[in-house]
Amino acid sequence: MREICLGLSKLGLFVLESNAYQIQPLPGVQKDPLYFAVGKKHPDAKQLIQTIDRGLLELMSNDKMAGIIQRYQQ
């Protein structure tokens, strides 16, 4: 993810400020980590992170996440 952000920054497509972003693994994802980036300064950052976390927990609780991962690993 870091490489993608740096590349987009060099192309002028992404504003990369030091300490403006954090890269963190999604909760409960061990084997196949997924990452989402939300800017700390975004006015709805906390709400976006909570929404993503809830959606991922829902996908994992009903085994839909395993199916999605399996489909894209083929």
PDB file of N, CA and C in Angstrom:
ATOM      1  N   MET A   1       0.827  -1.189   0.000  1.00  0.00           N
ATOM      2  CA  MET A   1       0.000   0.000   0.000  1.00  0.00           C
ATOM      3  C   MET A   1       0.872   1.253   0.000  1.00  0.00           C
ATOM      4  N   ARG A   2       1.934   1.197   0.779  1.00  0.00           N
ATOM      5  CA  ARG A   2       2.826   2.354   0.862  1.00  0.00           C
ATOM      6  C   ARG A   2       3.373   2.695  -0.516  1.00  0.00           C
ATOM      7  N   GLU A   3       3.759   1.661  -1.285  1.00  0.00           N
ATOM      8  CA  GLU A   3       4.321   1.886  -2.610  1.00  0.00           C
ATOM      9  C   GLU A   3       3.300   2.540  -3.536  1.00  0.00           C
ATOM     10  N   ILE A   4       2.054   2.127  -3.420  1.00  0.00           N
ATOM     11  CA  ILE A   4       0.994   2.692  -4.253  1.00  0.00           C
ATOM     12  C   ILE A   4       0.808   4.175  -3.926  1.00  0.00           C
ATOM     13  N   CYS A   5       0.756   4.494  -2.639  1.00  0.00           N
ATOM     14  CA  CYS A   5       0.584   5.895  -2.224  1.00  0.00           C
ATOM     15  C   CYS A   5       1.754   6.750  -2.682  1.00  0.00           C
ATOM     16  N   LEU A   6       2.981   6.226  -2.544  1.00  0.00           N
ATOM     17  CA  LEU A   6       4.154   6.989  -2.979  1.00  0.00           C
ATOM     18  C   LEU A   6       4.134   7.215  -4.488  1.00  0.00           C
ATOM     19  N   GLY A   7       3.761   6.186  -5.236  1.00  0.00           N
ATOM     20  CA  GLY A   7       3.687   6.326  -6.692  1.00  0.00           C
ATOM     21  C   GLY A   7       2.646   7.344  -7.114  1.00  0.00           C
ATOM     22  N   LEU A   8       1.472   7.280  -6.509  1.00  0.00           N
ATOM     23  CA  LEU A   8       0.414   8.241  -6.833  1.00  0.00           C
ATOM     24  C   LEU A   8       0.839   9.655  -6.442  1.00  0.00           C
ATOM     25  N   SER A   9       1.567   9.771  -5.340  1.00  0.00           N
ATOM     26  CA  SER A   9       2.053  11.076  -4.912  1.00  0.00           C
ATOM     27  C   SER A   9       3.033  11.659  -5.930  1.00  0.00           C
ATOM     28  N   LYS A  10       3.923  10.826  -6.432  1.00  0.00           N
ATOM     29  CA  LYS A  10       4.896  11.297  -7.420  1.00  0.00           C
ATOM     30  C   LYS A  10       4.220  11.723  -8.722  1.00  0.00           C
ATOM     31  N   LEU A  11       3.073  11.108  -9.027  1.00  0.00           N
ATOM     32  CA  LEU A  11       2.323  11.487 -10.223  1.00  0.00           C
ATOM     33  C   LEU A  11       1.435  12.710  -9.977  1.00  0.00           C
ATOM     34  N   GLY A  12       1.379  13.169  -8.737  1.00  0.00           N
ATOM     35  CA  GLY A  12       0.545  14.319  -8.403  1.00  0.00           C
ATOM     36  C   GLY A  12      -0.925  13.965  -8.243  1.00  0.00           C
ATOM     37  N   LEU A  13      -1.223  12.666  -8.071  1.00  0.00           N
ATOM     38  CA  LEU A  13      -2.609  12.216  -7.957  1.00  0.00           C
ATOM     39  C   LEU A  13      -3.034  11.971  -6.509  1.00  0.00           C
ATOM     40  N   PHE A  14      -2.111  12.149  -5.581  1.00  0.00           N
ATOM     41  CA  PHE A  14      -2.382  11.839  -4.184  1.00  0.00           C
ATOM     42  C   PHE A  14      -1.516  12.757  -3.334  1.00  0.00           C
ATOM     43  N   VAL A  15      -2.102  13.444  -2.392  1.00  0.00           N
ATOM     44  CA  VAL A  15      -1.339  14.334  -1.513  1.00  0.00           C
ATOM     45  C   VAL A  15      -0.847  13.507  -0.331  1.00  0.00           C
ATOM     46  N   LEU A  16       0.451  13.382  -0.236  1.00  0.00           N
ATOM     47  CA  LEU A  16       1.050  12.574   0.820  1.00  0.00           C
ATOM     48  C   LEU A  16       1.738  13.494   1.818  1.00  0.00           C
ATOM     49  N   GLU A  17       1.115  13.658   2.973  1.00  0.00           N
ATOM     50  CA  GLU A  17       1.691  14.470   4.041  1.00  0.00           C
ATOM     51  C   GLU A  17       2.188  13.529   5.132  1.00  0.00           C
ATOM     52  N   SER A  18       3.340  13.842   5.718  1.00  0.00           N
ATOM     53  CA  SER A  18       3.846  12.976   6.772  1.00  0.00           C
ATOM     54  C   SER A  18       2.848  12.930   7.925  1.00  0.00           C
ATOM     55  N   ASN A  19       2.626  11.766   8.441  1.00  0.00           N
ATOM     56  CA  ASN A  19       1.719  11.513   9.569  1.00  0.00           C
ATOM     57  C   ASN A  19       0.255  11.802   9.257  1.00  0.00           C
ATOM     58  N   ALA A  20      -0.093  12.011   7.998  1.00  0.00           N
ATOM     59  CA  ALA A  20      -1.491  12.261   7.659  1.00  0.00           C
ATOM     60  C   ALA A  20      -2.261  10.950   7.517  1.00  0.00           C
ATOM     61  N   TYR A  21      -1.559   9.850   7.284  1.00  0.00           N
ATOM     62  CA  TYR A  21      -2.200   8.563   7.049  1.00  0.00           C
ATOM     63  C   TYR A  21      -1.532   7.489   7.897  1.00  0.00           C
ATOM     64  N   GLN A  22      -2.303   6.483   8.230  1.00  0.00           N
ATOM     65  CA  GLN A  22      -1.776   5.312   8.915  1.00  0.00           C
ATOM     66  C   GLN A  22      -2.187   4.090   8.116  1.00  0.00           C
ATOM     67  N   ILE A  23      -1.285   3.141   7.961  1.00  0.00           N
ATOM     68  CA  ILE A  23      -1.617   1.882   7.304  1.00  0.00           C
ATOM     69  C   ILE A  23      -1.735   0.844   8.399  1.00  0.00           C
ATOM     70  N   GLN A  24      -2.934   0.271   8.538  1.00  0.00           N
ATOM     71  CA  GLN A  24      -3.204  -0.699   9.589  1.00  0.00           C
ATOM     72  C   GLN A  24      -3.936  -1.887   9.003  1.00  0.00           C
ATOM     73  N   PRO A  25      -3.671  -3.081   9.515  1.00  0.00           N
ATOM     74  CA  PRO A  25      -4.415  -4.250   9.048  1.00  0.00           C
ATOM     75  C   PRO A  25      -5.866  -4.177   9.513  1.00  0.00           C
ATOM     76  N   LEU A  26      -6.738  -4.771   8.745  1.00  0.00           N
ATOM     77  CA  LEU A  26      -8.146  -4.814   9.122  1.00  0.00           C
ATOM     78  C   LEU A  26      -8.320  -5.801  10.272  1.00  0.00           C
ATOM     79  N   PRO A  27      -9.220  -5.520  11.200  1.00  0.00           N
ATOM     80  CA  PRO A  27      -9.388  -6.400  12.359  1.00  0.00           C
ATOM     81  C   PRO A  27      -9.887  -7.779  11.943  1.00  0.00           C
ATOM     82  N   GLY A  28      -9.305  -8.805  12.543  1.00  0.00           N
ATOM     83  CA  GLY A  28      -9.747 -10.173  12.302  1.00  0.00           C
ATOM     84  C   GLY A  28      -9.221 -10.798  11.034  1.00  0.00           C
ATOM     85  N   VAL A  29      -8.441 -10.086  10.255  1.00  0.00           N
ATOM     86  CA  VAL A  29      -7.915 -10.626   9.006  1.00  0.00           C
ATOM     87  C   VAL A  29      -6.471 -11.032   9.257  1.00  0.00           C
ATOM     88  N   GLN A  30      -6.187 -12.324   9.188  1.00  0.00           N
ATOM     89  CA  GLN A  30      -4.852 -12.804   9.477  1.00  0.00           C
ATOM     90  C   GLN A  30      -4.117 -13.251   8.217  1.00  0.00           C
ATOM     91  N   LYS A  31      -4.680 -14.225   7.527  1.00  0.00           N
ATOM     92  CA  LYS A  31      -3.982 -14.872   6.423  1.00  0.00           C
ATOM     93  C   LYS A  31      -3.867 -13.991   5.188  1.00  0.00           C
ATOM     94  N   ASP A  32      -4.911 -13.337   4.821  1.00  0.00           N
ATOM     95  CA  ASP A  32      -4.963 -12.531   3.608  1.00  0.00           C
ATOM     96  C   ASP A  32      -5.270 -11.090   3.979  1.00  0.00           C
ATOM     97  N   PRO A  33      -4.255 -10.327   4.407  1.00  0.00           N
ATOM     98  CA  PRO A  33      -4.532  -8.971   4.881  1.00  0.00           C
ATOM     99  C   PRO A  33      -5.034  -8.047   3.769  1.00  0.00           C
ATOM    100  N   LEU A  34      -5.981  -7.220   4.142  1.00  0.00           N
ATOM    101  CA  LEU A  34      -6.528  -6.191   3.269  1.00  0.00           C
ATOM    102  C   LEU A  34      -6.308  -4.860   3.975  1.00  0.00           C
ATOM    103  N   TYR A  35      -6.091  -3.821   3.203  1.00  0.00           N
ATOM    104  CA  TYR A  35      -5.861  -2.517   3.811  1.00  0.00           C
ATOM    105  C   TYR A  35      -6.727  -1.461   3.142  1.00  0.00           C
ATOM    106  N   PHE A  36      -7.210  -0.540   3.930  1.00  0.00           N
ATOM    107  CA  PHE A  36      -7.942   0.621   3.444  1.00  0.00           C
ATOM    108  C   PHE A  36      -7.241   1.847   4.004  1.00  0.00           C
ATOM    109  N   ALA A  37      -7.185   2.888   3.227  1.00  0.00           N
ATOM    110  CA  ALA A  37      -6.557   4.122   3.694  1.00  0.00           C
ATOM    111  C   ALA A  37      -7.632   5.199   3.849  1.00  0.00           C
ATOM    112  N   VAL A  38      -7.638   5.826   5.015  1.00  0.00           N
ATOM    113  CA  VAL A  38      -8.540   6.942   5.293  1.00  0.00           C
ATOM    114  C   VAL A  38      -7.681   8.039   5.899  1.00  0.00           C
ATOM    115  N   GLY A  39      -7.698   9.200   5.287  1.00  0.00           N
ATOM    116  CA  GLY A  39      -6.893  10.316   5.776  1.00  0.00           C
ATOM    117  C   GLY A  39      -7.325  10.752   7.161  1.00  0.00           C
ATOM    118  N   LYS A  40      -6.374  10.979   8.033  1.00  0.00           N
ATOM    119  CA  LYS A  40      -6.682  11.431   9.393  1.00  0.00           C
ATOM    120  C   LYS A  40      -7.439  12.753   9.402  1.00  0.00           C
ATOM    121  N   LYS A  41      -7.181  13.589   8.412  1.00  0.00           N
ATOM    122  CA  LYS A  41      -7.814  14.911   8.379  1.00  0.00           C
ATOM    123  C   LYS A  41      -9.184  14.905   7.698  1.00  0.00           C
ATOM    124  N   HIS A  42      -9.579  13.770   7.152  1.00  0.00           N
ATOM    125  CA  HIS A  42     -10.896  13.697   6.515  1.00  0.00           C
ATOM    126  C   HIS A  42     -11.948  13.949   7.588  1.00  0.00           C
ATOM    127  N   PRO A  43     -12.926  14.793   7.315  1.00  0.00           N
ATOM    128  CA  PRO A  43     -13.903  15.142   8.358  1.00  0.00           C
ATOM    129  C   PRO A  43     -14.717  13.954   8.871  1.00  0.00           C
ATOM    130  N   ASP A  44     -14.843  12.912   8.083  1.00  0.00           N
ATOM    131  CA  ASP A  44     -15.621  11.740   8.498  1.00  0.00           C
ATOM    132  C   ASP A  44     -14.739  10.515   8.699  1.00  0.00           C
ATOM    133  N   ALA A  45     -13.453  10.708   8.990  1.00  0.00           N
ATOM    134  CA  ALA A  45     -12.503   9.596   9.084  1.00  0.00           C
ATOM    135  C   ALA A  45     -12.959   8.525  10.077  1.00  0.00           C
ATOM    136  N   LYS A  46     -13.325   8.918  11.273  1.00  0.00           N
ATOM    137  CA  LYS A  46     -13.721   7.936  12.289  1.00  0.00           C
ATOM    138  C   LYS A  46     -14.959   7.158  11.850  1.00  0.00           C
ATOM    139  N   GLN A  47     -15.927   7.863  11.271  1.00  0.00           N
ATOM    140  CA  GLN A  47     -17.152   7.202  10.820  1.00  0.00           C
ATOM    141  C   GLN A  47     -16.851   6.242   9.665  1.00  0.00           C
ATOM    142  N   LEU A  48     -15.991   6.644   8.739  1.00  0.00           N
ATOM    143  CA  LEU A  48     -15.622   5.767   7.623  1.00  0.00           C
ATOM    144  C   LEU A  48     -14.941   4.502   8.119  1.00  0.00           C
ATOM    145  N   ILE A  49     -14.021   4.641   9.058  1.00  0.00           N
ATOM    146  CA  ILE A  49     -13.323   3.478   9.602  1.00  0.00           C
ATOM    147  C   ILE A  49     -14.300   2.560  10.314  1.00  0.00           C
ATOM    148  N   GLN A  50     -15.225   3.112  11.094  1.00  0.00           N
ATOM    149  CA  GLN A  50     -16.217   2.299  11.788  1.00  0.00           C
ATOM    150  C   GLN A  50     -17.117   1.569  10.793  1.00  0.00           C
ATOM    151  N   THR A  51     -17.503   2.238   9.715  1.00  0.00           N
ATOM    152  CA  THR A  51     -18.350   1.620   8.700  1.00  0.00           C
ATOM    153  C   THR A  51     -17.625   0.475   8.006  1.00  0.00           C
ATOM    154  N   ILE A  52     -16.371   0.695   7.655  1.00  0.00           N
ATOM    155  CA  ILE A  52     -15.570  -0.363   7.022  1.00  0.00           C
ATOM    156  C   ILE A  52     -15.420  -1.538   7.979  1.00  0.00           C
ATOM    157  N   ASP A  53     -15.079  -1.267   9.236  1.00  0.00           N
ATOM    158  CA  ASP A  53     -14.911  -2.330  10.225  1.00  0.00           C
ATOM    159  C   ASP A  53     -16.192  -3.146  10.405  1.00  0.00           C
ATOM    160  N   ARG A  54     -17.338  -2.467  10.511  1.00  0.00           N
ATOM    161  CA  ARG A  54     -18.615  -3.178  10.678  1.00  0.00           C
ATOM    162  C   ARG A  54     -18.918  -4.053   9.467  1.00  0.00           C
ATOM    163  N   GLY A  55     -18.688  -3.502   8.269  1.00  0.00           N
ATOM    164  CA  GLY A  55     -18.946  -4.273   7.055  1.00  0.00           C
ATOM    165  C   GLY A  55     -18.064  -5.495   6.959  1.00  0.00           C
ATOM    166  N   LEU A  56     -16.801  -5.345   7.301  1.00  0.00           N
ATOM    167  CA  LEU A  56     -15.886  -6.489   7.262  1.00  0.00           C
ATOM    168  C   LEU A  56     -16.246  -7.539   8.304  1.00  0.00           C
ATOM    169  N   LEU A  57     -16.611  -7.103   9.491  1.00  0.00           N
ATOM    170  CA  LEU A  57     -17.031  -8.057  10.516  1.00  0.00           C
ATOM    171  C   LEU A  57     -18.268  -8.823  10.068  1.00  0.00           C
ATOM    172  N   GLU A  58     -19.185  -8.143   9.405  1.00  0.00           N
ATOM    173  CA  GLU A  58     -20.383  -8.809   8.890  1.00  0.00           C
ATOM    174  C   GLU A  58     -20.016  -9.838   7.823  1.00  0.00           C
ATOM    175  N   LEU A  59     -19.134  -9.455   6.913  1.00  0.00           N
ATOM    176  CA  LEU A  59     -18.698 -10.392   5.871  1.00  0.00           C
ATOM    177  C   LEU A  59     -18.012 -11.615   6.478  1.00  0.00           C
ATOM    178  N   MET A  60     -17.209 -11.393   7.507  1.00  0.00           N
ATOM    179  CA  MET A  60     -16.502 -12.514   8.130  1.00  0.00           C
ATOM    180  C   MET A  60     -17.439 -13.385   8.961  1.00  0.00           C
ATOM    181  N   SER A  61     -18.461 -12.798   9.554  1.00  0.00           N
ATOM    182  CA  SER A  61     -19.356 -13.566  10.419  1.00  0.00           C
ATOM    183  C   SER A  61     -20.274 -14.496   9.630  1.00  0.00           C
ATOM    184  N   ASN A  62     -20.554 -14.173   8.386  1.00  0.00           N
ATOM    185  CA  ASN A  62     -21.430 -15.053   7.601  1.00  0.00           C
ATOM    186  C   ASN A  62     -20.662 -15.773   6.491  1.00  0.00           C
ATOM    187  N   ASP A  63     -19.337 -15.864   6.630  1.00  0.00           N
ATOM    188  CA  ASP A  63     -18.452 -16.599   5.714  1.00  0.00           C
ATOM    189  C   ASP A  63     -18.418 -16.048   4.292  1.00  0.00           C
ATOM    190  N   LYS A  64     -18.986 -14.886   4.049  1.00  0.00           N
ATOM    191  CA  LYS A  64     -18.904 -14.305   2.709  1.00  0.00           C
ATOM    192  C   LYS A  64     -17.484 -13.866   2.381  1.00  0.00           C
ATOM    193  N   MET A  65     -16.721 -13.425   3.394  1.00  0.00           N
ATOM    194  CA  MET A  65     -15.350 -12.970   3.163  1.00  0.00           C
ATOM    195  C   MET A  65     -14.497 -14.109   2.605  1.00  0.00           C
ATOM    196  N   ALA A  66     -14.634 -15.300   3.162  1.00  0.00           N
ATOM    197  CA  ALA A  66     -13.854 -16.457   2.684  1.00  0.00           C
ATOM    198  C   ALA A  66     -14.152 -16.721   1.210  1.00  0.00           C
ATOM    199  N   GLY A  67     -15.422 -16.628   0.823  1.00  0.00           N
ATOM    200  CA  GLY A  67     -15.790 -16.828  -0.568  1.00  0.00           C
ATOM    201  C   GLY A  67     -15.211 -15.769  -1.494  1.00  0.00           C
ATOM    202  N   ILE A  68     -15.216 -14.523  -1.046  1.00  0.00           N
ATOM    203  CA  ILE A  68     -14.658 -13.434  -1.843  1.00  0.00           C
ATOM    204  C   ILE A  68     -13.159 -13.636  -2.039  1.00  0.00           C
ATOM    205  N   ILE A  69     -12.443 -13.922  -0.954  1.00  0.00           N
ATOM    206  CA  ILE A  69     -11.000 -14.136  -1.025  1.00  0.00           C
ATOM    207  C   ILE A  69     -10.685 -15.319  -1.931  1.00  0.00           C
ATOM    208  N   GLN A  70     -11.417 -16.391  -1.766  1.00  0.00           N
ATOM    209  CA  GLN A  70     -11.176 -17.592  -2.587  1.00  0.00           C
ATOM    210  C   GLN A  70     -11.404 -17.300  -4.071  1.00  0.00           C
ATOM    211  N   ARG A  71     -12.436 -16.533  -4.390  1.00  0.00           N
ATOM    212  CA  ARG A  71     -12.757 -16.214  -5.774  1.00  0.00           C
ATOM    213  C   ARG A  71     -11.628 -15.435  -6.437  1.00  0.00           C
ATOM    214  N   TYR A  72     -10.998 -14.518  -5.698  1.00  0.00           N
ATOM    215  CA  TYR A  72      -9.962 -13.679  -6.285  1.00  0.00           C
ATOM    216  C   TYR A  72      -8.561 -14.274  -6.200  1.00  0.00           C
ATOM    217  N   GLN A  73      -8.415 -15.392  -5.521  1.00  0.00           N
ATOM    218  CA  GLN A  73      -7.110 -16.057  -5.457  1.00  0.00           C
ATOM    219  C   GLN A  73      -6.937 -17.070  -6.584  1.00  0.00           C
ATOM    220  N   GLN A  74      -7.955 -17.313  -7.345  1.00  0.00           N
ATOM    221  CA  GLN A  74      -7.871 -18.316  -8.409  1.00  0.00           C
ATOM    222  C   GLN A  74      -7.172 -17.761  -9.622  1.00  0.00           C
TER     223      GLN A  74
END
